[in-house]
N, C-alpha and C. Protein backbone atom coordinates (compact mmCIF):
# COMPACT_ATOMS: atom_id res chain seq x y z
N UNK A 1 0.02 -18.82 -4.14
CA UNK A 1 -1.10 -17.45 -3.63
C UNK A 1 -2.18 -18.11 -3.94
N UNK A 2 -3.43 -17.90 -4.18
CA UNK A 2 -4.95 -17.96 -4.03
C UNK A 2 -5.64 -17.89 -5.47
N UNK A 3 -6.13 -18.52 -5.98
CA UNK A 3 -6.85 -18.87 -7.44
C UNK A 3 -7.25 -17.53 -7.85
N UNK A 4 -7.22 -16.68 -8.44
CA UNK A 4 -7.50 -15.10 -9.18
C UNK A 4 -9.05 -15.03 -9.25
N UNK A 5 -9.31 -13.75 -9.10
CA UNK A 5 -11.20 -13.57 -9.13
C UNK A 5 -10.62 -12.08 -9.62
N UNK A 6 -12.23 -12.34 -10.41
CA UNK A 6 -12.55 -10.96 -11.12
C UNK A 6 -12.96 -10.04 -9.91
N UNK A 7 -13.47 -8.77 -10.32
CA UNK A 7 -14.14 -8.32 -9.11
C UNK A 7 -15.36 -8.15 -9.92
N UNK A 8 -16.27 -7.41 -9.27
CA UNK A 8 -17.91 -7.25 -9.72
C UNK A 8 -17.74 -6.25 -10.07
N UNK A 9 -18.73 -5.41 -10.68
CA UNK A 9 -18.02 -3.81 -10.74
C UNK A 9 -19.50 -3.06 -10.24
N UNK A 10 -20.78 -3.58 -10.39
CA UNK A 10 -21.49 -3.16 -9.55
C UNK A 10 -21.71 -2.68 -8.11
N UNK A 11 -20.73 -1.45 -7.52
CA UNK A 11 -20.21 -1.49 -6.44
C UNK A 11 -20.14 0.48 -6.32
N UNK A 12 -21.20 0.24 -5.20
CA UNK A 12 -21.02 2.53 -4.47
C UNK A 12 -20.02 2.64 -4.69
N UNK A 13 -20.22 4.24 -4.88
CA UNK A 13 -19.18 4.59 -5.30
C UNK A 13 -18.76 5.79 -3.84
N UNK A 14 -17.60 5.57 -3.64
CA UNK A 14 -17.14 6.14 -2.48
C UNK A 14 -17.87 7.95 -1.92
N UNK A 15 -18.65 8.32 -1.31
CA UNK A 15 -19.06 9.37 -0.80
C UNK A 15 -17.98 9.55 -0.20
N UNK A 16 -18.34 11.31 0.40
CA UNK A 16 -17.57 12.00 1.08
C UNK A 16 -17.36 11.57 2.53
N UNK A 17 -16.59 11.85 3.03
CA UNK A 17 -16.58 11.53 4.05
C UNK A 17 -17.43 12.00 5.76
N UNK A 18 -17.87 11.31 6.54
CA UNK A 18 -18.33 12.04 7.72
C UNK A 18 -18.03 11.75 8.67
N UNK A 19 -18.02 12.50 9.47
CA UNK A 19 -17.81 11.73 11.27
C UNK A 19 -17.80 10.61 11.65
N UNK A 20 -19.48 10.49 11.25
CA UNK A 20 -19.66 8.83 11.46
C UNK A 20 -18.80 7.80 10.89
N UNK A 21 -18.54 8.15 9.97
CA UNK A 21 -17.29 7.03 9.44
C UNK A 21 -16.11 7.29 9.67
N UNK A 22 -15.58 8.30 10.54
CA UNK A 22 -14.85 9.23 10.76
C UNK A 22 -13.87 7.59 11.68
N UNK A 23 -12.41 7.22 10.96
CA UNK A 23 -11.70 5.97 11.83
C UNK A 23 -11.38 6.75 13.23
N UNK A 24 -10.91 5.72 14.34
CA UNK A 24 -11.20 6.37 15.52
C UNK A 24 -9.58 5.48 16.09
N UNK A 25 -8.80 5.06 15.28
CA UNK A 25 -7.76 4.68 15.04
C UNK A 25 -7.12 3.66 14.63
N UNK A 26 -5.98 3.78 14.87
CA UNK A 26 -4.81 2.56 13.56
C UNK A 26 -3.99 1.79 14.41
N UNK A 27 -3.75 0.66 14.34
CA UNK A 27 -3.09 -0.55 15.12
C UNK A 27 -2.20 -1.80 13.84
N UNK A 28 -1.55 -1.95 14.82
CA UNK A 28 -1.46 -2.70 13.68
C UNK A 28 -1.59 -4.44 13.88
N UNK A 29 -2.14 -5.16 12.80
CA UNK A 29 -3.51 -6.20 12.85
C UNK A 29 -2.38 -7.48 13.82
N UNK A 30 -1.15 -7.45 12.81
CA UNK A 30 -0.64 -9.11 13.11
C UNK A 30 1.01 -9.07 12.96
N UNK A 31 1.68 -9.74 13.84
CA UNK A 31 3.01 -10.34 14.07
C UNK A 31 3.77 -9.87 14.96
N UNK A 32 4.60 -9.56 14.65
CA UNK A 32 5.51 -8.87 16.55
C UNK A 32 5.12 -7.67 16.81
N UNK A 33 4.10 -6.83 16.68
CA UNK A 33 3.69 -6.09 17.13
C UNK A 33 2.04 -5.54 16.96
N UNK A 34 2.47 -6.74 17.35
CA UNK A 34 0.02 -7.06 16.87
C UNK A 34 -0.40 -6.22 18.12
N UNK A 35 -1.68 -5.57 17.84
CA UNK A 35 -1.67 -4.86 18.95
C UNK A 35 -1.41 -3.43 18.98
N UNK A 36 -0.49 -3.34 19.03
CA UNK A 36 -0.14 -1.73 18.81
C UNK A 36 -0.30 -0.73 18.12
N UNK A 37 -0.81 0.50 18.81
CA UNK A 37 -1.24 1.35 18.37
C UNK A 37 -0.69 2.52 17.43
N UNK A 38 -1.16 2.99 16.28
CA UNK A 38 -0.24 4.00 15.34
C UNK A 38 -0.74 5.55 16.28
N UNK A 39 -0.18 6.66 15.79
CA UNK A 39 -0.42 7.89 16.30
C UNK A 39 -0.92 8.35 14.46
N UNK A 40 -2.47 8.60 14.81
CA UNK A 40 -2.75 8.84 13.78
C UNK A 40 -3.64 10.36 13.86
N UNK A 41 -3.15 11.05 13.41
CA UNK A 41 -4.14 12.90 13.56
C UNK A 41 -5.76 12.46 13.07
N UNK A 42 -6.70 11.92 12.61
CA UNK A 42 -7.69 11.81 12.42
C UNK A 42 -7.88 12.28 10.77
N UNK A 43 -7.26 12.47 10.42
CA UNK A 43 -7.09 13.58 8.97
C UNK A 43 -7.73 12.18 7.90
N UNK A 44 -8.81 13.11 7.46
CA UNK A 44 -9.56 11.58 7.11
C UNK A 44 -8.98 11.69 5.44
N UNK A 45 -8.31 12.67 5.00
CA UNK A 45 -7.43 13.20 3.74
C UNK A 45 -6.42 11.83 3.28
N UNK A 46 -5.91 11.09 4.96
CA UNK A 46 -4.93 10.45 5.19
C UNK A 46 -5.43 8.81 4.28
N UNK A 47 -6.88 8.80 4.98
CA UNK A 47 -7.86 7.64 4.87
C UNK A 47 -7.12 6.36 5.11
N UNK A 48 -6.63 6.21 6.10
CA UNK A 48 -6.21 4.56 6.45
C UNK A 48 -7.07 3.75 5.33
N UNK A 49 -6.25 2.57 5.17
CA UNK A 49 -7.04 0.94 5.19
C UNK A 49 -7.66 0.38 6.02
N UNK A 50 -9.43 0.57 5.94
CA UNK A 50 -9.95 -0.31 7.14
C UNK A 50 -9.17 -1.48 7.47
N UNK A 51 -9.58 -2.13 8.58
CA UNK A 51 -8.68 -3.01 9.64
C UNK A 51 -9.35 -4.76 9.01
N UNK A 52 -10.01 -4.08 8.33
CA UNK A 52 -11.00 -5.18 7.82
C UNK A 52 -10.38 -5.68 6.49
N UNK A 53 -10.05 -4.50 5.68
CA UNK A 53 -9.35 -4.96 3.94
C UNK A 53 -7.87 -5.40 4.68
N UNK A 54 -7.35 -4.21 5.65
CA UNK A 54 -6.13 -4.63 5.88
C UNK A 54 -5.56 -6.27 6.14
N UNK A 55 -6.16 -6.49 6.95
CA UNK A 55 -6.17 -8.47 7.52
C UNK A 55 -6.40 -8.80 6.09
N UNK A 56 -7.25 -9.16 5.25
CA UNK A 56 -8.19 -9.38 3.72
C UNK A 56 -6.24 -9.69 3.32
N UNK A 57 -5.65 -8.56 3.07
CA UNK A 57 -4.61 -8.18 2.46
C UNK A 57 -3.37 -8.55 2.40
N UNK A 58 -2.86 -8.85 4.38
CA UNK A 58 -2.37 -9.32 4.60
C UNK A 58 -2.05 -10.74 4.88
N UNK A 59 -3.54 -11.24 4.87
CA UNK A 59 -4.00 -13.36 4.74
C UNK A 59 -3.42 -13.06 3.22
N UNK A 60 -3.78 -12.57 2.04
CA UNK A 60 -3.85 -13.05 0.67
C UNK A 60 -2.17 -12.88 0.51
N UNK A 61 -1.14 -12.15 1.06
CA UNK A 61 -0.28 -11.93 0.96
C UNK A 61 1.00 -13.12 1.92
N UNK A 62 0.52 -13.59 2.73
CA UNK A 62 0.73 -14.91 3.47
C UNK A 62 2.43 -14.43 3.92
N UNK A 63 2.95 -15.03 3.58
CA UNK A 63 4.07 -15.55 4.20
C UNK A 63 5.16 -14.55 3.03
N UNK A 64 4.95 -14.16 1.99
CA UNK A 64 5.42 -13.12 0.72
C UNK A 64 6.12 -12.20 1.07
N UNK A 65 5.60 -11.57 2.34
CA UNK A 65 6.10 -10.10 2.90
C UNK A 65 7.55 -10.85 3.90
N UNK A 66 7.85 -11.57 4.08
CA UNK A 66 9.34 -12.01 4.67
C UNK A 66 10.29 -11.73 4.11
N UNK A 67 11.19 -11.08 4.19
CA UNK A 67 12.04 -11.04 3.78
C UNK A 67 12.46 -9.88 2.89
N UNK A 68 11.57 -9.47 2.49
CA UNK A 68 11.66 -8.18 1.45
C UNK A 68 11.61 -6.73 1.97
N UNK A 69 11.57 -5.49 0.96
CA UNK A 69 11.58 -4.16 0.84
C UNK A 69 10.16 -4.10 0.90
N UNK A 70 9.83 -3.38 1.86
CA UNK A 70 8.34 -2.99 1.44
C UNK A 70 8.30 -1.22 1.50
N UNK A 71 7.17 -0.90 0.11
CA UNK A 71 7.77 0.18 -0.35
C UNK A 71 6.19 0.60 -0.05
N UNK A 72 5.88 1.85 0.67
CA UNK A 72 5.03 2.05 0.74
C UNK A 72 4.67 3.13 0.41
N UNK A 73 3.99 3.36 -1.33
CA UNK A 73 3.31 4.67 -1.89
C UNK A 73 2.17 5.40 -1.14
N UNK A 74 2.24 7.07 -1.20
CA UNK A 74 1.15 7.37 -0.73
C UNK A 74 0.51 7.25 0.94
N UNK A 75 1.64 6.80 1.64
CA UNK A 75 1.99 6.51 2.87
C UNK A 75 1.29 6.27 4.15
N UNK A 76 0.52 7.66 4.02
CA UNK A 76 -0.10 8.43 4.91
C UNK A 76 0.35 7.58 6.16
N UNK A 77 -0.38 7.12 7.10
CA UNK A 77 -0.43 6.46 8.36
C UNK A 77 1.34 5.86 8.19
N UNK A 78 1.41 4.64 7.17
CA UNK A 78 2.54 4.01 7.09
C UNK A 78 2.35 3.12 7.94
N UNK A 79 0.82 2.80 8.14
CA UNK A 79 0.34 1.22 8.35
C UNK A 79 0.96 -0.10 7.86
N UNK A 80 1.21 0.05 6.52
CA UNK A 80 1.06 -1.11 6.28
C UNK A 80 2.11 -2.10 5.81
N UNK A 81 3.69 -0.48 5.41
CA UNK A 81 4.87 -1.10 5.21
C UNK A 81 4.98 -1.59 6.63
N UNK A 82 4.46 -0.75 7.70
CA UNK A 82 4.87 -1.12 9.16
C UNK A 82 4.10 -2.72 9.54
N UNK A 83 2.81 -2.37 9.07
CA UNK A 83 2.61 -3.96 9.33
C UNK A 83 3.56 -5.31 8.45
N UNK A 84 4.16 -5.07 7.22
CA UNK A 84 4.92 -5.77 7.02
C UNK A 84 6.31 -5.73 7.63
N UNK A 85 6.51 -5.03 8.30
CA UNK A 85 7.41 -5.01 8.52
C UNK A 85 7.21 -5.89 10.47
N UNK A 86 5.97 -5.75 11.29
CA UNK A 86 5.49 -6.46 12.13
C UNK A 86 5.68 -7.95 11.67
N UNK A 87 5.71 -8.11 10.28
CA UNK A 87 5.03 -9.72 9.57
C UNK A 87 6.82 -10.54 9.23
N UNK A 88 7.83 -9.56 9.16
CA UNK A 88 9.05 -10.07 8.97
C UNK A 88 9.37 -9.47 7.81
N UNK A 89 8.87 -8.05 6.98
CA UNK A 89 9.96 -7.51 6.28
C UNK A 89 10.96 -6.62 6.77
N UNK A 90 12.05 -6.92 5.52
CA UNK A 90 13.33 -6.56 6.23
C UNK A 90 13.87 -4.79 5.93
N UNK A 91 13.09 -4.56 5.89
CA UNK A 91 13.35 -3.04 5.71
C UNK A 91 11.93 -2.30 4.97
N UNK A 92 11.43 -1.08 5.36
CA UNK A 92 10.88 -0.15 4.83
C UNK A 92 11.20 1.13 4.52
N UNK A 93 10.37 1.13 2.92
CA UNK A 93 9.93 2.99 2.34
C UNK A 93 9.07 3.33 2.30
N UNK A 94 9.07 4.68 2.70
CA UNK A 94 7.59 5.02 2.93
C UNK A 94 8.20 6.46 2.19
N UNK A 95 6.70 7.26 0.53
CA UNK A 95 7.16 7.73 0.33
C UNK A 95 5.73 9.02 0.56
N UNK A 96 5.17 9.79 1.31
CA UNK A 96 4.33 10.42 1.65
C UNK A 96 4.83 11.94 1.64
N UNK A 97 4.30 12.81 0.61
CA UNK A 97 4.08 14.67 0.64
C UNK A 97 4.28 15.00 1.81
N UNK A 98 3.17 14.82 2.47
CA UNK A 98 2.73 15.98 3.49
C UNK A 98 3.71 15.40 3.94
N UNK A 99 4.89 16.66 4.66
CA UNK A 99 5.65 16.74 5.92
C UNK A 99 5.50 16.38 7.42
N UNK A 100 3.84 17.24 7.48
CA UNK A 100 3.41 16.49 9.00
C UNK A 100 3.41 15.53 9.43
N UNK A 101 2.87 14.34 8.26
CA UNK A 101 2.05 13.45 8.31
C UNK A 101 3.38 12.48 8.19
N UNK A 102 4.56 13.19 7.57
CA UNK A 102 5.71 11.80 7.24
C UNK A 102 6.92 11.73 8.40
N UNK A 103 6.57 12.91 8.87
CA UNK A 103 7.39 13.00 10.73
C UNK A 103 6.07 11.85 11.71
N UNK A 104 4.87 11.93 11.56
CA UNK A 104 4.37 11.24 12.08
C UNK A 104 4.82 9.50 12.18
N UNK A 105 4.57 9.04 10.16
CA UNK A 105 5.36 8.08 10.23
C UNK A 105 6.80 7.49 11.00
N UNK A 106 7.63 8.82 11.14
CA UNK A 106 9.21 8.73 12.04
C UNK A 106 9.08 8.08 13.18
N UNK A 107 8.09 9.08 13.90
CA UNK A 107 7.52 8.88 15.16
C UNK A 107 6.70 8.04 15.56
N UNK A 108 5.94 7.29 14.25
CA UNK A 108 5.56 5.44 14.94
C UNK A 108 6.47 4.43 14.55
N UNK A 109 7.48 4.80 13.48
CA UNK A 109 8.37 3.78 13.76
C UNK A 109 9.67 3.59 14.82
N UNK A 110 9.79 4.87 15.05
CA UNK A 110 10.24 4.97 16.70
C UNK A 110 10.13 4.52 17.63
N UNK A 111 8.48 4.64 17.44
CA UNK A 111 7.43 4.29 19.13
C UNK A 111 7.86 2.94 18.71
N UNK A 112 8.34 1.71 17.50
CA UNK A 112 7.59 0.68 17.50
C UNK A 112 9.06 -0.10 17.45
N UNK A 113 10.25 0.88 17.71
CA UNK A 113 11.61 0.65 17.32
C UNK A 113 12.38 -0.47 15.89
N UNK A 114 11.80 0.11 14.95
CA UNK A 114 12.27 0.02 13.88
C UNK A 114 12.71 0.90 13.33
N UNK A 115 13.29 2.43 13.81
CA UNK A 115 13.36 3.42 13.17
C UNK A 115 15.00 3.09 12.06
N UNK A 116 15.77 2.30 12.44
CA UNK A 116 17.30 2.01 12.15
C UNK A 116 17.09 1.00 10.77
N UNK A 117 15.89 0.91 9.78
CA UNK A 117 15.26 -0.18 8.81
C UNK A 117 14.38 0.58 8.46
N UNK A 118 14.23 1.89 8.28
CA UNK A 118 12.93 2.31 7.94
C UNK A 118 13.88 3.75 7.32
N UNK A 119 13.18 4.07 6.14
CA UNK A 119 13.69 5.53 5.48
C UNK A 119 12.29 6.15 5.04
N UNK A 120 12.22 7.35 5.76
CA UNK A 120 10.63 8.02 5.06
C UNK A 120 10.96 9.04 4.42
N UNK A 121 10.60 9.20 3.19
CA UNK A 121 10.88 10.24 2.50
C UNK A 121 9.26 10.96 1.90
N UNK A 122 9.94 12.49 2.52
CA UNK A 122 8.56 13.32 1.95
C UNK A 122 8.80 13.85 0.56
N UNK A 123 7.73 13.11 -0.46
CA UNK A 123 7.91 13.40 -1.89
C UNK A 123 7.26 12.98 -2.12
N UNK A 124 6.89 13.97 -3.67
CA UNK A 124 5.29 13.03 -4.85
C UNK A 124 5.78 12.26 -4.82
N UNK A 125 4.97 11.46 -4.92
CA UNK A 125 4.70 9.81 -5.27
C UNK A 125 4.80 9.40 -6.86
N UNK A 126 4.59 10.38 -7.59
CA UNK A 126 4.94 10.51 -9.00
C UNK A 126 6.26 11.09 -9.48
N UNK A 127 6.84 11.83 -8.74
CA UNK A 127 8.03 12.65 -9.57
C UNK A 127 9.22 10.99 -8.53
N UNK A 128 8.81 11.10 -7.09
CA UNK A 128 9.88 9.96 -6.65
C UNK A 128 9.96 8.76 -7.92
N UNK A 129 8.70 8.32 -8.18
CA UNK A 129 9.04 6.93 -9.18
C UNK A 129 9.71 7.30 -10.51
N UNK A 130 9.45 8.17 -10.86
CA UNK A 130 10.38 8.65 -12.42
C UNK A 130 11.80 9.10 -11.88
N UNK A 131 12.17 9.35 -10.58
CA UNK A 131 13.89 9.41 -10.20
C UNK A 131 13.63 8.15 -9.74
N UNK A 132 14.11 7.33 -9.43
CA UNK A 132 13.62 5.84 -8.61
C UNK A 132 14.94 5.65 -8.12
N UNK A 133 15.57 5.87 -7.07
CA UNK A 133 16.59 5.36 -6.36
C UNK A 133 17.07 4.45 -6.41
N UNK A 134 18.95 3.92 -6.10
CA UNK A 134 18.63 2.57 -6.39
C UNK A 134 18.05 2.05 -5.02
N UNK A 135 17.20 1.04 -4.96
CA UNK A 135 16.81 -0.09 -4.32
C UNK A 135 17.36 -0.61 -3.50
N UNK A 136 18.53 -1.68 -3.65
CA UNK A 136 19.37 -2.46 -3.17
C UNK A 136 18.74 -4.26 -4.20
N UNK A 137 18.92 -5.01 -3.57
CA UNK A 137 18.78 -6.29 -4.30
C UNK A 137 17.27 -7.00 -3.94
N UNK A 138 17.29 -6.32 -2.88
CA UNK A 138 15.52 -7.21 -2.33
C UNK A 138 14.57 -7.15 -3.08
N UNK A 139 14.02 -8.26 -2.82
CA UNK A 139 12.87 -8.00 -3.71
C UNK A 139 12.05 -7.20 -3.23
N UNK A 140 10.82 -6.68 -3.61
CA UNK A 140 9.75 -5.29 -3.23
C UNK A 140 8.71 -6.43 -2.49
N UNK A 141 7.71 -5.76 -2.00
CA UNK A 141 6.27 -5.87 -1.68
C UNK A 141 5.69 -4.29 -2.02
N UNK A 142 5.66 -3.58 -2.87
CA UNK A 142 4.84 -2.78 -3.25
C UNK A 142 3.35 -2.00 -2.11
N UNK A 143 3.06 -1.50 -1.89
CA UNK A 143 1.61 -1.15 -1.37
C UNK A 143 1.35 0.45 -2.20
N UNK A 144 0.25 -0.07 -2.82
CA UNK A 144 -0.26 1.42 -3.56
C UNK A 144 -1.84 1.62 -2.95
N UNK A 145 -1.97 2.50 -2.14
CA UNK A 145 -3.12 2.61 -1.40
C UNK A 145 -3.31 4.35 -1.36
N UNK A 146 -3.65 4.93 -2.86
CA UNK A 146 -3.69 6.40 -2.99
C UNK A 146 -5.22 7.10 -2.86
N UNK A 147 -5.40 8.17 -3.11
CA UNK A 147 -6.89 8.93 -2.79
C UNK A 147 -7.62 7.76 -4.16
N UNK A 148 -9.12 7.76 -3.94
CA UNK A 148 -9.11 6.86 -4.56
C UNK A 148 -9.81 7.81 -6.30
N UNK A 149 -10.05 9.29 -6.16
CA UNK A 149 -9.53 9.89 -6.82
C UNK A 149 -8.56 10.48 -8.16
N UNK A 150 -7.54 10.20 -7.45
CA UNK A 150 -5.74 9.34 -8.43
C UNK A 150 -6.24 9.06 -9.63
N UNK A 151 -7.44 7.70 -9.17
CA UNK A 151 -7.50 6.83 -10.58
C UNK A 151 -8.71 7.70 -11.61
N UNK A 152 -8.66 8.40 -11.22
CA UNK A 152 -9.58 9.33 -12.05
C UNK A 152 -9.24 10.78 -12.86
N UNK A 153 -8.48 11.45 -11.73
CA UNK A 153 -8.29 13.03 -12.37
C UNK A 153 -7.06 12.51 -12.39
N UNK A 154 -6.19 11.74 -11.97
CA UNK A 154 -4.68 11.54 -12.31
C UNK A 154 -4.25 9.98 -12.71
N UNK A 155 -5.20 9.56 -14.27
CA UNK A 155 -5.54 8.17 -14.16
C UNK A 155 -4.05 7.97 -15.17
N UNK A 156 -3.87 9.02 -16.13
CA UNK A 156 -2.10 8.48 -16.72
C UNK A 156 -1.29 8.08 -15.32
N UNK A 157 -1.03 9.27 -14.73
CA UNK A 157 -0.16 9.56 -13.62
C UNK A 157 0.17 7.71 -12.81
N UNK A 158 -0.95 7.42 -12.42
CA UNK A 158 -1.42 5.75 -11.82
C UNK A 158 -0.59 5.61 -12.78
N UNK A 159 -1.34 4.81 -13.76
CA UNK A 159 -0.61 3.75 -15.09
C UNK A 159 0.59 4.24 -15.34
N UNK A 160 1.21 4.66 -15.54
CA UNK A 160 2.96 5.47 -15.51
C UNK A 160 3.48 4.72 -14.57
N UNK A 161 3.28 5.00 -13.13
CA UNK A 161 3.41 4.92 -11.44
C UNK A 161 3.84 3.13 -11.92
N UNK A 162 2.78 2.63 -11.57
CA UNK A 162 2.77 1.35 -11.13
C UNK A 162 3.41 1.14 -12.53
N UNK A 163 3.20 1.02 -13.78
CA UNK A 163 4.33 0.65 -15.20
C UNK A 163 5.42 0.67 -15.12
N UNK A 164 5.84 1.59 -14.33
CA UNK A 164 7.44 1.89 -13.97
C UNK A 164 7.72 1.00 -12.75
N UNK A 165 7.05 1.11 -11.91
CA UNK A 165 8.13 0.29 -10.48
C UNK A 165 7.17 -1.39 -10.96
N UNK A 166 6.34 -1.64 -11.59
CA UNK A 166 6.36 -3.03 -12.55
C UNK A 166 8.04 -3.40 -12.89
N UNK A 167 8.15 -2.40 -14.04
CA UNK A 167 9.28 -2.64 -14.90
C UNK A 167 10.74 -3.11 -13.91
N UNK A 168 10.65 -2.17 -13.05
CA UNK A 168 11.83 -1.82 -12.53
C UNK A 168 12.60 -2.77 -11.01
N UNK A 169 10.80 -3.47 -10.72
CA UNK A 169 10.71 -4.68 -9.44
C UNK A 169 11.77 -5.77 -9.74
N UNK A 170 12.42 -6.06 -8.94
CA UNK A 170 13.17 -7.26 -9.27
C UNK A 170 12.23 -8.31 -9.01
N UNK A 171 12.79 -9.24 -9.55
CA UNK A 171 11.95 -10.24 -9.33
C UNK A 171 11.40 -10.64 -8.01
N UNK A 172 10.33 -11.89 -7.97
CA UNK A 172 10.02 -12.11 -6.54
C UNK A 172 9.21 -10.89 -6.03
N UNK A 173 9.17 -9.72 -6.61
CA UNK A 173 8.29 -8.89 -5.84
C UNK A 173 6.70 -9.13 -6.02
N UNK A 174 6.69 -8.58 -5.23
CA UNK A 174 4.75 -8.28 -4.66
C UNK A 174 3.80 -6.96 -4.41
N UNK A 175 3.02 -6.37 -5.94
CA UNK A 175 1.93 -5.41 -5.84
C UNK A 175 1.35 -5.84 -5.08
N UNK A 176 0.51 -4.72 -4.15
CA UNK A 176 -0.37 -4.78 -3.27
C UNK A 176 -1.25 -3.30 -4.16
N UNK A 177 -2.06 -3.52 -4.68
CA UNK A 177 -2.62 -1.99 -4.81
C UNK A 177 -4.14 -1.99 -4.22
N UNK A 178 -4.45 -1.12 -4.29
CA UNK A 178 -6.38 -0.62 -3.51
C UNK A 178 -6.90 0.69 -4.18
N UNK A 179 -8.05 -0.09 -4.80
CA UNK A 179 -8.60 0.99 -5.73
C UNK A 179 -10.13 0.83 -5.74
N UNK A 180 -10.72 0.98 -6.45
CA UNK A 180 -12.43 1.53 -6.45
C UNK A 180 -12.23 0.85 -7.95
N UNK A 181 -13.95 1.03 -8.07
CA UNK A 181 -14.56 0.74 -9.38
C UNK A 181 -14.00 0.92 -10.67
N UNK A 182 -13.26 2.13 -10.53
CA UNK A 182 -13.65 3.36 -11.66
C UNK A 182 -11.90 2.95 -11.85
N UNK A 183 -11.19 2.27 -11.56
CA UNK A 183 -9.67 1.71 -12.11
C UNK A 183 -10.22 0.22 -12.97
N UNK A 184 -9.50 0.39 -14.20
CA UNK A 184 -9.30 -0.80 -15.05
C UNK A 184 -8.17 -1.03 -14.94
N UNK A 185 -8.09 -2.26 -13.94
CA UNK A 185 -6.73 -2.54 -13.95
C UNK A 185 -6.34 -3.61 -15.36
N UNK A 186 -6.91 -4.06 -16.07
CA UNK A 186 -6.97 -4.49 -17.20
C UNK A 186 -5.69 -3.77 -17.81
N UNK A 187 -5.57 -2.85 -17.16
CA UNK A 187 -4.32 -1.59 -18.48
C UNK A 187 -3.40 -2.09 -17.82
N UNK A 188 -2.96 -2.63 -17.10
CA UNK A 188 -1.56 -2.86 -16.02
C UNK A 188 -1.34 -4.30 -16.49
N UNK A 189 0.03 -4.28 -16.79
CA UNK A 189 1.18 -5.66 -17.46
C UNK A 189 0.07 -6.72 -16.68
N UNK A 190 0.39 -7.44 -17.81
CA UNK A 190 -0.34 -9.45 -17.47
C UNK A 190 -1.45 -9.42 -16.32
N UNK A 191 -2.14 -8.46 -17.12
CA UNK A 191 -3.88 -8.41 -15.90
C UNK A 191 -4.31 -9.70 -15.60
N UNK A 192 -4.40 -10.36 -16.37
CA UNK A 192 -4.90 -12.22 -16.11
C UNK A 192 -4.34 -12.23 -15.22
N UNK A 193 -3.43 -12.20 -14.84
CA UNK A 193 -2.75 -12.43 -13.44
C UNK A 193 -2.66 -12.22 -12.10
N UNK A 194 -3.56 -11.03 -12.27
CA UNK A 194 -3.83 -10.41 -10.65
C UNK A 194 -5.01 -11.09 -9.94
N UNK A 195 -4.57 -11.04 -8.76
CA UNK A 195 -5.83 -11.53 -7.81
C UNK A 195 -6.42 -10.01 -7.56
N UNK A 196 -7.63 -10.35 -7.84
CA UNK A 196 -8.16 -9.09 -7.65
C UNK A 196 -9.40 -9.76 -6.30
N UNK A 197 -10.32 -9.06 -5.49
CA UNK A 197 -10.88 -9.35 -4.79
C UNK A 197 -11.37 -7.59 -4.47
N UNK A 198 -12.81 -8.16 -4.40
CA UNK A 198 -13.84 -6.62 -3.61
C UNK A 198 -14.05 -6.91 -2.01
N UNK A 199 -13.59 -5.34 -1.70
CA UNK A 199 -14.43 -4.92 -0.22
C UNK A 199 -14.85 -4.24 -0.01
N UNK A 200 -15.73 -4.00 -1.04
CA UNK A 200 -16.64 -2.92 -1.05
C UNK A 200 -16.58 -1.95 0.22
N UNK A 201 -15.86 -0.45 0.00
CA UNK A 201 -15.96 0.06 -1.57
C UNK A 201 -14.61 0.05 -2.51
N UNK A 202 -13.41 -0.77 -1.29
CA UNK A 202 -12.62 -0.71 -1.69
C UNK A 202 -12.09 -2.08 -2.74
N UNK A 203 -11.72 -2.48 -3.53
CA UNK A 203 -11.19 -3.48 -4.18
C UNK A 203 -9.76 -3.60 -4.31
N UNK A 204 -8.90 -4.36 -4.35
CA UNK A 204 -7.24 -4.92 -4.10
C UNK A 204 -7.11 -5.60 -5.01
N UNK A 205 -5.96 -5.89 -5.64
CA UNK A 205 -5.30 -5.88 -6.71
C UNK A 205 -3.92 -6.42 -6.41
N UNK A 206 -3.49 -7.72 -6.23
CA UNK A 206 -2.19 -8.37 -5.56
C UNK A 206 -1.31 -9.00 -6.99
N UNK A 207 -0.34 -8.76 -7.34
CA UNK A 207 0.60 -9.38 -8.56
C UNK A 207 1.88 -9.97 -8.03
N UNK A 208 2.06 -10.60 -8.56
CA UNK A 208 3.60 -11.33 -8.05
C UNK A 208 4.76 -11.47 -9.67
N UNK A 209 5.80 -10.77 -9.41
CA UNK A 209 6.85 -11.21 -10.33
C UNK A 209 7.71 -12.23 -10.46
N UNK A 210 7.37 -12.97 -11.56
CA UNK A 210 7.65 -14.29 -11.55
C UNK A 210 9.25 -13.87 -12.05
N UNK A 211 9.69 -15.18 -11.44
CA UNK A 211 11.22 -14.90 -12.55
C UNK A 211 11.27 -16.20 -13.78
N UNK A 212 12.14 -15.05 -14.72
CA UNK A 212 11.62 -15.39 -16.34
C UNK A 212 12.53 -16.52 -16.32
């Protein structure tokens, strides 16, 4: 993985969404399904990760997703774990509380022909993590891209969520977390080992659980 970098802090805060900045579509960027479009309602509450940020993320992850179990927290469109499947992940689990959006993920999975290796759970991500089901033996690649406001209004919950999954994850697991400048990643385990990159207003943090 690339050398760790610390984020700068003088980044503009995310303002309210406007029609002028509304995403017009979501597509798979690379891998087997490159260029395939995903169904997306256009609801800005879903806030799909921007294409340029998602491309940068998967460039950083590289071949690290191959053969892993992709876990998409606060899944929204499901684009992150579907992208991981396109690039060689073995299976994917999506956690999305909004039932109509969870149904959209199921339809997108069927359109791509990957429904047999996909599990979509319509649940509160924080509660799901506390009751964490048996995830099998594959290493994970965990995508955490929640509303940025959660890092403020639900900071303790976010830290508990990430700490628990980091603790429970198998060796060789990867974590990819999207946040903004309001989240202090130094509160996470092994903070100095996170690869942190700014893509304003987003900041990406990537961490790998090494074998002991």
